[in-house]
Amino acid sequence: MDTKVTDTRTAPDHGSIRRRRRCEICGHKFSTVEVYCRTALVVIKRNGSEEDFDGEKIAQGLQKAIKSDGAKERKIEILMQNILRHIREHYSKKIPTETIGQIVMEELKRIDPIAYLRFTSVYKNFREAYEFEEEVRNLEH
């Protein structure tokens, strides 16, 4: 409970603050992240039902799409910052789930085209090989 803040940094999107802390008792160093909270954003699902926005669901989808490599965690961090910034800037009350999927796909396409294909194949529910081929052709353009 007795900690001292040794460094404070605002995220580039100004949506969170990272604080480096040190325990006054044992000297252990750790970081905390304070996230800007505002009125709850509601997601409109495909069936018309609504639920509170949960960024963790996006992070889980990104975890599955991006295969393990040395930069996986950093890629996910960058993607989440970009996705959440876009959502915060353009939506304040409600957002359709399809819009969230489109935002995620656009960000993945820019950073990791293979992860984009993995995510898109699940998101769009690909059933045939030609659907992958079409998406690869679109990606090449």
Foldseek 3Di string as FASTA:
>chain_A
DAKDFDDWDAPPLNQKIKTWIAHPPPRDIDIDIGGDDDPWAWEQEPVRDIDTDDLVVVLVLLPVLDDDDPCSVVLSVVLSVQLVSVCVVPPDHYDYPVVSLVSSLVSCLVPPVSSSLVSCCVVVVDDDPVVSVVVVVVSVD
